[in-house]
Amino acid sequence: MIPGTCNADIERFFERWFQLEYSESGLQWHLLLKSVRGVLRVIDKLLLGNYRFRETDFTPNIDYYRELASSQHPETLWIGCSDSRLQTGHITQARAGELFIQRNIGNIVPIHDWNFATVLEYAVVHLKVKEVVVCGHSNCGAIRALDKESTDSYIPLWLNNAREAKTRVDSKISPPKTLQEKDDRYRMIEQENVRLQIEHLYTYPLLKKAVDENRVAVHGLYYDLGTGELKKIA
């Protein structure tokens, strides 16, 4: 430390310097110095990422983003899992404005849920999306949690929306004995859950009406975390 200074003094100095020297290299040095002092925060990494995004994507495509700023016209409602490993735009190479996204634990379509119903209604009635996707994925923690007893207050209640998928699969196969059989069983439940949630979708009259009138198509997708492959299963 510089004699006669404290961490707060150093922070204020570099914060001021950063404001005056707002360049990518300046930002990186700013964060490096914070890292050396043990005060680098996750939020700093996010801000650095945003700076790079503006430099490498937003600014070079400013006309596209300015048009998006005034309105959105996505063609797809994407219902996926909240899992941090499943970055929807990244795995599909979809650009900002192309997907209207609803994410939750287990890519669930709950019945009689105001939050979900609002998203669905806005997507179908107002945004007039042409496709609705339910996307599951491998190694889903929500599906594996169906086998466990839990003392959590909310998660077990939420997962009841997926429990039927487990029941269906277990009624068709013998109890797994090997690790491979256990993995295969989970994959079957993950995929059956996608089909189950599509069934739940059709309990919403506005969605069923849109499908019957050929205004909307519904698809079930499954993403493999180990291979990066996204495939249609329903």
C-alpha atoms as a PDB file:
ATOM      1  CA  MET A   1       0.000   0.000   0.000  1.00  0.00           C
ATOM      2  CA  ILE A   2       1.147   3.566  -0.692  1.00  0.00           C
ATOM      3  CA  PRO A   3       2.292   5.223   2.580  1.00  0.00           C
ATOM      4  CA  GLY A   4      -0.358   7.490   4.051  1.00  0.00           C
ATOM      5  CA  THR A   5      -3.206   5.984   2.055  1.00  0.00           C
ATOM      6  CA  CYS A   6      -5.944   3.470   2.760  1.00  0.00           C
ATOM      7  CA  ASN A   7      -7.888   1.082   0.549  1.00  0.00           C
ATOM      8  CA  ALA A   8     -10.756   3.591   0.281  1.00  0.00           C
ATOM      9  CA  ASP A   9      -8.363   6.292  -0.979  1.00  0.00           C
ATOM     10  CA  ILE A  10      -6.964   3.937  -3.607  1.00  0.00           C
ATOM     11  CA  GLU A  11     -10.453   2.897  -4.659  1.00  0.00           C
ATOM     12  CA  ARG A  12     -11.540   6.521  -5.114  1.00  0.00           C
ATOM     13  CA  PHE A  13      -8.411   7.324  -7.113  1.00  0.00           C
ATOM     14  CA  PHE A  14      -8.863   4.455  -9.532  1.00  0.00           C
ATOM     15  CA  GLU A  15     -12.611   5.003  -9.794  1.00  0.00           C
ATOM     16  CA  ARG A  16     -11.884   8.582 -10.886  1.00  0.00           C
ATOM     17  CA  TRP A  17      -9.113   7.458 -13.216  1.00  0.00           C
ATOM     18  CA  PHE A  18     -11.429   4.854 -14.715  1.00  0.00           C
ATOM     19  CA  GLN A  19     -14.054   7.514 -15.426  1.00  0.00           C
ATOM     20  CA  LEU A  20     -11.474   9.628 -17.238  1.00  0.00           C
ATOM     21  CA  GLU A  21      -9.834   6.744 -19.071  1.00  0.00           C
ATOM     22  CA  TYR A  22     -12.901   4.709 -20.078  1.00  0.00           C
ATOM     23  CA  SER A  23     -11.287   2.265 -22.480  1.00  0.00           C
ATOM     24  CA  GLU A  24     -11.288  -1.513 -22.566  1.00  0.00           C
ATOM     25  CA  SER A  25      -7.648  -1.611 -21.453  1.00  0.00           C
ATOM     26  CA  GLY A  26      -8.417   0.896 -18.709  1.00  0.00           C
ATOM     27  CA  LEU A  27     -11.330  -1.202 -17.540  1.00  0.00           C
ATOM     28  CA  GLN A  28      -9.221  -4.350 -17.515  1.00  0.00           C
ATOM     29  CA  TRP A  29      -6.492  -2.637 -15.479  1.00  0.00           C
ATOM     30  CA  HIS A  30      -9.095  -1.287 -13.107  1.00  0.00           C
ATOM     31  CA  LEU A  31     -10.473  -4.751 -12.492  1.00  0.00           C
ATOM     32  CA  LEU A  32      -7.007  -6.291 -12.287  1.00  0.00           C
ATOM     33  CA  LEU A  33      -6.027  -3.877  -9.523  1.00  0.00           C
ATOM     34  CA  LYS A  34      -9.213  -4.685  -7.653  1.00  0.00           C
ATOM     35  CA  SER A  35      -8.484  -8.403  -8.066  1.00  0.00           C
ATOM     36  CA  VAL A  36      -4.970  -7.966  -6.630  1.00  0.00           C
ATOM     37  CA  ARG A  37      -6.479  -6.283  -3.581  1.00  0.00           C
ATOM     38  CA  GLY A  38      -8.999  -9.092  -3.221  1.00  0.00           C
ATOM     39  CA  VAL A  39     -12.060  -6.943  -3.879  1.00  0.00           C
ATOM     40  CA  LEU A  40     -12.982  -8.037  -7.415  1.00  0.00           C
ATOM     41  CA  ARG A  41     -16.695  -8.783  -7.388  1.00  0.00           C
ATOM     42  CA  VAL A  42     -18.920 -10.781  -9.698  1.00  0.00           C
ATOM     43  CA  ILE A  43     -20.709  -7.557 -10.599  1.00  0.00           C
ATOM     44  CA  ASP A  44     -17.405  -6.159 -11.915  1.00  0.00           C
ATOM     45  CA  LYS A  45     -17.085  -9.098 -14.297  1.00  0.00           C
ATOM     46  CA  LEU A  46     -20.626  -8.515 -15.509  1.00  0.00           C
ATOM     47  CA  LEU A  47     -19.913  -4.843 -16.137  1.00  0.00           C
ATOM     48  CA  LEU A  48     -16.744  -5.739 -18.018  1.00  0.00           C
ATOM     49  CA  GLY A  49     -18.753  -8.169 -20.111  1.00  0.00           C
ATOM     50  CA  ASN A  50     -21.283  -5.466 -20.884  1.00  0.00           C
ATOM     51  CA  TYR A  51     -18.531  -3.100 -21.965  1.00  0.00           C
ATOM     52  CA  ARG A  52     -17.142  -5.708 -24.330  1.00  0.00           C
ATOM     53  CA  PHE A  53     -20.653  -6.396 -25.637  1.00  0.00           C
ATOM     54  CA  ARG A  54     -21.157  -2.732 -26.445  1.00  0.00           C
ATOM     55  CA  GLU A  55     -17.767  -2.505 -28.123  1.00  0.00           C
ATOM     56  CA  THR A  56     -17.945  -5.718 -30.169  1.00  0.00           C
ATOM     57  CA  ASP A  57     -21.668  -6.183 -30.838  1.00  0.00           C
ATOM     58  CA  PHE A  58     -23.935  -3.291 -29.888  1.00  0.00           C
ATOM     59  CA  THR A  59     -21.990  -0.455 -31.493  1.00  0.00           C
ATOM     60  CA  PRO A  60     -21.160  -2.288 -34.760  1.00  0.00           C
ATOM     61  CA  ASN A  61     -24.862  -3.193 -35.065  1.00  0.00           C
ATOM     62  CA  ILE A  62     -26.298   0.043 -33.690  1.00  0.00           C
ATOM     63  CA  ASP A  63     -29.056   0.324 -36.318  1.00  0.00           C
ATOM     64  CA  TYR A  64     -30.385  -3.132 -35.438  1.00  0.00           C
ATOM     65  CA  TYR A  65     -30.420  -2.398 -31.705  1.00  0.00           C
ATOM     66  CA  ARG A  66     -32.000   1.035 -32.187  1.00  0.00           C
ATOM     67  CA  GLU A  67     -34.847  -0.601 -34.059  1.00  0.00           C
ATOM     68  CA  LEU A  68     -35.241  -3.141 -31.236  1.00  0.00           C
ATOM     69  CA  ALA A  69     -35.345  -0.321 -28.702  1.00  0.00           C
ATOM     70  CA  SER A  70     -38.655   0.881 -30.151  1.00  0.00           C
ATOM     71  CA  SER A  71     -40.443  -2.476 -30.523  1.00  0.00           C
ATOM     72  CA  GLN A  72     -40.053  -6.247 -30.475  1.00  0.00           C
ATOM     73  CA  HIS A  73     -41.374  -8.828 -32.933  1.00  0.00           C
ATOM     74  CA  PRO A  74     -40.213 -12.272 -31.785  1.00  0.00           C
ATOM     75  CA  GLU A  75     -41.548 -15.256 -33.698  1.00  0.00           C
ATOM     76  CA  THR A  76     -40.984 -17.828 -30.955  1.00  0.00           C
ATOM     77  CA  LEU A  77     -42.051 -18.237 -27.337  1.00  0.00           C
ATOM     78  CA  TRP A  78     -39.308 -20.316 -25.707  1.00  0.00           C
ATOM     79  CA  ILE A  79     -40.156 -22.158 -22.476  1.00  0.00           C
ATOM     80  CA  GLY A  80     -36.944 -23.456 -20.959  1.00  0.00           C
ATOM     81  CA  CYS A  81     -35.159 -24.325 -17.742  1.00  0.00           C
ATOM     82  CA  SER A  82     -33.447 -21.772 -15.500  1.00  0.00           C
ATOM     83  CA  ASP A  83     -30.282 -23.911 -15.448  1.00  0.00           C
ATOM     84  CA  SER A  84     -27.249 -21.630 -15.895  1.00  0.00           C
ATOM     85  CA  ARG A  85     -25.686 -24.061 -18.374  1.00  0.00           C
ATOM     86  CA  LEU A  86     -28.550 -23.578 -20.815  1.00  0.00           C
ATOM     87  CA  GLN A  87     -28.067 -20.197 -22.462  1.00  0.00           C
ATOM     88  CA  THR A  88     -30.907 -20.100 -24.961  1.00  0.00           C
ATOM     89  CA  GLY A  89     -29.643 -17.428 -27.344  1.00  0.00           C
ATOM     90  CA  HIS A  90     -26.167 -18.931 -27.330  1.00  0.00           C
ATOM     91  CA  ILE A  91     -27.126 -22.520 -28.175  1.00  0.00           C
ATOM     92  CA  THR A  92     -29.515 -21.449 -30.948  1.00  0.00           C
ATOM     93  CA  GLN A  93     -27.503 -18.463 -32.223  1.00  0.00           C
ATOM     94  CA  ALA A  94     -30.710 -16.441 -31.958  1.00  0.00           C
ATOM     95  CA  ARG A  95     -30.242 -12.669 -31.957  1.00  0.00           C
ATOM     96  CA  ALA A  96     -31.773 -10.270 -29.471  1.00  0.00           C
ATOM     97  CA  GLY A  97     -35.446  -9.813 -30.311  1.00  0.00           C
ATOM     98  CA  GLU A  98     -35.980 -13.231 -31.879  1.00  0.00           C
ATOM     99  CA  LEU A  99     -37.063 -15.203 -28.797  1.00  0.00           C
ATOM    100  CA  PHE A 100     -39.639 -14.320 -26.145  1.00  0.00           C
ATOM    101  CA  ILE A 101     -38.406 -16.345 -23.182  1.00  0.00           C
ATOM    102  CA  GLN A 102     -40.022 -17.918 -20.124  1.00  0.00           C
ATOM    103  CA  ARG A 103     -37.578 -19.827 -17.928  1.00  0.00           C
ATOM    104  CA  ASN A 104     -38.184 -21.682 -14.684  1.00  0.00           C
ATOM    105  CA  ILE A 105     -37.018 -24.706 -12.728  1.00  0.00           C
ATOM    106  CA  GLY A 106     -37.629 -27.796 -14.864  1.00  0.00           C
ATOM    107  CA  ASN A 107     -38.991 -26.021 -17.993  1.00  0.00           C
ATOM    108  CA  ILE A 108     -42.461 -26.454 -16.556  1.00  0.00           C
ATOM    109  CA  VAL A 109     -45.796 -25.277 -17.921  1.00  0.00           C
ATOM    110  CA  PRO A 110     -47.843 -24.985 -14.734  1.00  0.00           C
ATOM    111  CA  ILE A 111     -51.608 -25.302 -14.939  1.00  0.00           C
ATOM    112  CA  HIS A 112     -53.637 -22.358 -13.612  1.00  0.00           C
ATOM    113  CA  ASP A 113     -50.579 -20.172 -12.998  1.00  0.00           C
ATOM    114  CA  TRP A 114     -51.037 -16.414 -13.441  1.00  0.00           C
ATOM    115  CA  ASN A 115     -47.391 -15.733 -14.146  1.00  0.00           C
ATOM    116  CA  PHE A 116     -47.168 -18.283 -16.919  1.00  0.00           C
ATOM    117  CA  ALA A 117     -50.617 -17.469 -18.282  1.00  0.00           C
ATOM    118  CA  THR A 118     -49.616 -13.820 -18.624  1.00  0.00           C
ATOM    119  CA  VAL A 119     -46.493 -14.712 -20.600  1.00  0.00           C
ATOM    120  CA  LEU A 120     -48.426 -17.095 -22.849  1.00  0.00           C
ATOM    121  CA  GLU A 121     -51.237 -14.637 -23.506  1.00  0.00           C
ATOM    122  CA  TYR A 122     -48.895 -11.772 -24.279  1.00  0.00           C
ATOM    123  CA  ALA A 123     -46.820 -13.946 -26.621  1.00  0.00           C
ATOM    124  CA  VAL A 124     -49.753 -15.431 -28.541  1.00  0.00           C
ATOM    125  CA  VAL A 125     -52.290 -12.611 -28.520  1.00  0.00           C
ATOM    126  CA  HIS A 126     -50.125  -9.490 -28.642  1.00  0.00           C
ATOM    127  CA  LEU A 127     -46.728 -10.499 -30.019  1.00  0.00           C
ATOM    128  CA  LYS A 128     -48.400 -13.048 -32.306  1.00  0.00           C
ATOM    129  CA  VAL A 129     -45.585 -15.573 -32.112  1.00  0.00           C
ATOM    130  CA  LYS A 130     -45.729 -18.371 -34.664  1.00  0.00           C
ATOM    131  CA  GLU A 131     -43.918 -21.037 -32.649  1.00  0.00           C
ATOM    132  CA  VAL A 132     -44.032 -22.191 -29.031  1.00  0.00           C
ATOM    133  CA  VAL A 133     -41.102 -24.304 -27.847  1.00  0.00           C
ATOM    134  CA  VAL A 134     -40.762 -26.354 -24.675  1.00  0.00           C
ATOM    135  CA  CYS A 135     -37.095 -27.250 -24.227  1.00  0.00           C
ATOM    136  CA  GLY A 136     -35.723 -29.765 -21.731  1.00  0.00           C
ATOM    137  CA  HIS A 137     -32.101 -30.743 -21.205  1.00  0.00           C
ATOM    138  CA  SER A 138     -29.799 -33.471 -19.961  1.00  0.00           C
ATOM    139  CA  ASN A 139     -28.607 -33.733 -16.360  1.00  0.00           C
ATOM    140  CA  CYS A 140     -31.573 -31.661 -15.179  1.00  0.00           C
ATOM    141  CA  GLY A 141     -31.463 -31.096 -11.431  1.00  0.00           C
ATOM    142  CA  ALA A 142     -35.223 -30.651 -11.269  1.00  0.00           C
ATOM    143  CA  ILE A 143     -35.846 -34.105 -12.722  1.00  0.00           C
ATOM    144  CA  ARG A 144     -33.323 -35.734 -10.399  1.00  0.00           C
ATOM    145  CA  ALA A 145     -34.963 -33.988  -7.455  1.00  0.00           C
ATOM    146  CA  LEU A 146     -38.159 -35.938  -8.160  1.00  0.00           C
ATOM    147  CA  ASP A 147     -36.446 -38.956  -6.573  1.00  0.00           C
ATOM    148  CA  LYS A 148     -35.519 -37.140  -3.370  1.00  0.00           C
ATOM    149  CA  GLU A 149     -37.305 -36.215  -0.186  1.00  0.00           C
ATOM    150  CA  SER A 150     -37.112 -32.491   0.451  1.00  0.00           C
ATOM    151  CA  THR A 151     -37.775 -30.139   3.334  1.00  0.00           C
ATOM    152  CA  ASP A 152     -37.851 -27.102   1.036  1.00  0.00           C
ATOM    153  CA  SER A 153     -40.953 -24.957   1.211  1.00  0.00           C
ATOM    154  CA  TYR A 154     -41.571 -24.255  -2.458  1.00  0.00           C
ATOM    155  CA  ILE A 155     -39.503 -26.522  -4.724  1.00  0.00           C
ATOM    156  CA  PRO A 156     -41.415 -29.788  -4.038  1.00  0.00           C
ATOM    157  CA  LEU A 157     -44.732 -28.081  -4.740  1.00  0.00           C
ATOM    158  CA  TRP A 158     -43.409 -26.710  -8.025  1.00  0.00           C
ATOM    159  CA  LEU A 159     -41.982 -30.066  -9.076  1.00  0.00           C
ATOM    160  CA  ASN A 160     -45.379 -31.699  -8.652  1.00  0.00           C
ATOM    161  CA  ASN A 161     -46.019 -30.247 -12.104  1.00  0.00           C
ATOM    162  CA  ALA A 162     -43.443 -32.704 -13.487  1.00  0.00           C
ATOM    163  CA  ARG A 163     -44.057 -35.734 -11.273  1.00  0.00           C
ATOM    164  CA  GLU A 164     -46.341 -37.443 -13.791  1.00  0.00           C
ATOM    165  CA  ALA A 165     -43.392 -37.738 -16.198  1.00  0.00           C
ATOM    166  CA  LYS A 166     -41.491 -39.802 -13.623  1.00  0.00           C
ATOM    167  CA  THR A 167     -44.556 -41.970 -12.976  1.00  0.00           C
ATOM    168  CA  ARG A 168     -45.011 -42.702 -16.685  1.00  0.00           C
ATOM    169  CA  VAL A 169     -41.405 -43.716 -17.258  1.00  0.00           C
ATOM    170  CA  ASP A 170     -41.130 -45.837 -14.116  1.00  0.00           C
ATOM    171  CA  SER A 171     -44.277 -47.749 -15.109  1.00  0.00           C
ATOM    172  CA  LYS A 172     -42.599 -48.826 -18.363  1.00  0.00           C
ATOM    173  CA  ILE A 173     -39.097 -49.836 -17.245  1.00  0.00           C
ATOM    174  CA  SER A 174     -37.481 -52.049 -14.633  1.00  0.00           C
ATOM    175  CA  PRO A 175     -35.712 -50.361 -11.713  1.00  0.00           C
ATOM    176  CA  PRO A 176     -32.237 -49.307 -12.938  1.00  0.00           C
ATOM    177  CA  LYS A 177     -29.287 -51.217 -11.527  1.00  0.00           C
ATOM    178  CA  THR A 178     -26.226 -49.735 -13.213  1.00  0.00           C
ATOM    179  CA  LEU A 179     -25.085 -46.134 -13.470  1.00  0.00           C
ATOM    180  CA  GLN A 180     -25.793 -46.210 -17.203  1.00  0.00           C
ATOM    181  CA  GLU A 181     -29.323 -47.465 -16.603  1.00  0.00           C
ATOM    182  CA  LYS A 182     -29.863 -44.711 -14.048  1.00  0.00           C
ATOM    183  CA  ASP A 183     -28.642 -42.073 -16.504  1.00  0.00           C
ATOM    184  CA  ASP A 184     -30.850 -43.531 -19.229  1.00  0.00           C
ATOM    185  CA  ARG A 185     -33.848 -43.386 -16.897  1.00  0.00           C
ATOM    186  CA  TYR A 186     -33.247 -39.726 -16.078  1.00  0.00           C
ATOM    187  CA  ARG A 187     -32.924 -38.909 -19.767  1.00  0.00           C
ATOM    188  CA  MET A 188     -36.228 -40.665 -20.449  1.00  0.00           C
ATOM    189  CA  ILE A 189     -37.931 -38.690 -17.683  1.00  0.00           C
ATOM    190  CA  GLU A 190     -36.415 -35.419 -18.932  1.00  0.00           C
ATOM    191  CA  GLN A 191     -37.810 -36.065 -22.388  1.00  0.00           C
ATOM    192  CA  GLU A 192     -41.170 -37.304 -21.113  1.00  0.00           C
ATOM    193  CA  ASN A 193     -41.388 -34.129 -19.060  1.00  0.00           C
ATOM    194  CA  VAL A 194     -41.154 -32.081 -22.249  1.00  0.00           C
ATOM    195  CA  ARG A 195     -44.125 -34.004 -23.653  1.00  0.00           C
ATOM    196  CA  LEU A 196     -46.018 -33.592 -20.382  1.00  0.00           C
ATOM    197  CA  GLN A 197     -45.519 -29.838 -20.360  1.00  0.00           C
ATOM    198  CA  ILE A 198     -46.798 -29.658 -23.937  1.00  0.00           C
ATOM    199  CA  GLU A 199     -49.938 -31.407 -22.694  1.00  0.00           C
ATOM    200  CA  HIS A 200     -50.201 -28.731 -20.015  1.00  0.00           C
ATOM    201  CA  LEU A 201     -49.929 -26.061 -22.712  1.00  0.00           C
ATOM    202  CA  TYR A 202     -53.072 -27.336 -24.364  1.00  0.00           C
ATOM    203  CA  THR A 203     -55.068 -26.797 -21.166  1.00  0.00           C
ATOM    204  CA  TYR A 204     -54.855 -23.078 -21.922  1.00  0.00           C
ATOM    205  CA  PRO A 205     -57.780 -22.319 -24.283  1.00  0.00           C
ATOM    206  CA  LEU A 206     -55.998 -19.409 -25.982  1.00  0.00           C
ATOM    207  CA  LEU A 207     -53.111 -21.670 -27.011  1.00  0.00           C
ATOM    208  CA  LYS A 208     -55.365 -24.494 -28.175  1.00  0.00           C
ATOM    209  CA  LYS A 209     -57.412 -22.037 -30.222  1.00  0.00           C
ATOM    210  CA  ALA A 210     -54.288 -20.583 -31.844  1.00  0.00           C
ATOM    211  CA  VAL A 211     -53.049 -24.075 -32.762  1.00  0.00           C
ATOM    212  CA  ASP A 212     -56.452 -25.149 -34.105  1.00  0.00           C
ATOM    213  CA  GLU A 213     -56.483 -22.064 -36.323  1.00  0.00           C
ATOM    214  CA  ASN A 214     -52.942 -22.805 -37.558  1.00  0.00           C
ATOM    215  CA  ARG A 215     -51.621 -19.553 -36.121  1.00  0.00           C
ATOM    216  CA  VAL A 216     -49.176 -21.286 -33.768  1.00  0.00           C
ATOM    217  CA  ALA A 217     -47.153 -24.506 -33.897  1.00  0.00           C
ATOM    218  CA  VAL A 218     -45.876 -26.244 -30.741  1.00  0.00           C
ATOM    219  CA  HIS A 219     -42.539 -28.088 -30.560  1.00  0.00           C
ATOM    220  CA  GLY A 220     -40.675 -30.099 -27.938  1.00  0.00           C
ATOM    221  CA  LEU A 221     -36.874 -29.813 -27.965  1.00  0.00           C
ATOM    222  CA  TYR A 222     -34.145 -31.479 -25.925  1.00  0.00           C
ATOM    223  CA  TYR A 223     -30.632 -30.117 -25.385  1.00  0.00           C
ATOM    224  CA  ASP A 224     -27.694 -32.386 -24.557  1.00  0.00           C
ATOM    225  CA  LEU A 225     -25.224 -30.571 -22.323  1.00  0.00           C
ATOM    226  CA  GLY A 226     -22.508 -33.087 -23.139  1.00  0.00           C
ATOM    227  CA  THR A 227     -22.651 -32.771 -26.918  1.00  0.00           C
ATOM    228  CA  GLY A 228     -24.202 -29.340 -27.490  1.00  0.00           C
ATOM    229  CA  GLU A 229     -26.888 -30.911 -29.691  1.00  0.00           C
ATOM    230  CA  LEU A 230     -30.431 -29.570 -29.748  1.00  0.00           C
ATOM    231  CA  LYS A 231     -32.970 -31.963 -31.225  1.00  0.00           C
ATOM    232  CA  LYS A 232     -36.722 -32.145 -31.754  1.00  0.00           C
ATOM    233  CA  ILE A 233     -38.478 -34.823 -29.699  1.00  0.00           C
ATOM    234  CA  ALA A 234     -42.129 -33.764 -29.917  1.00  0.00           C
END
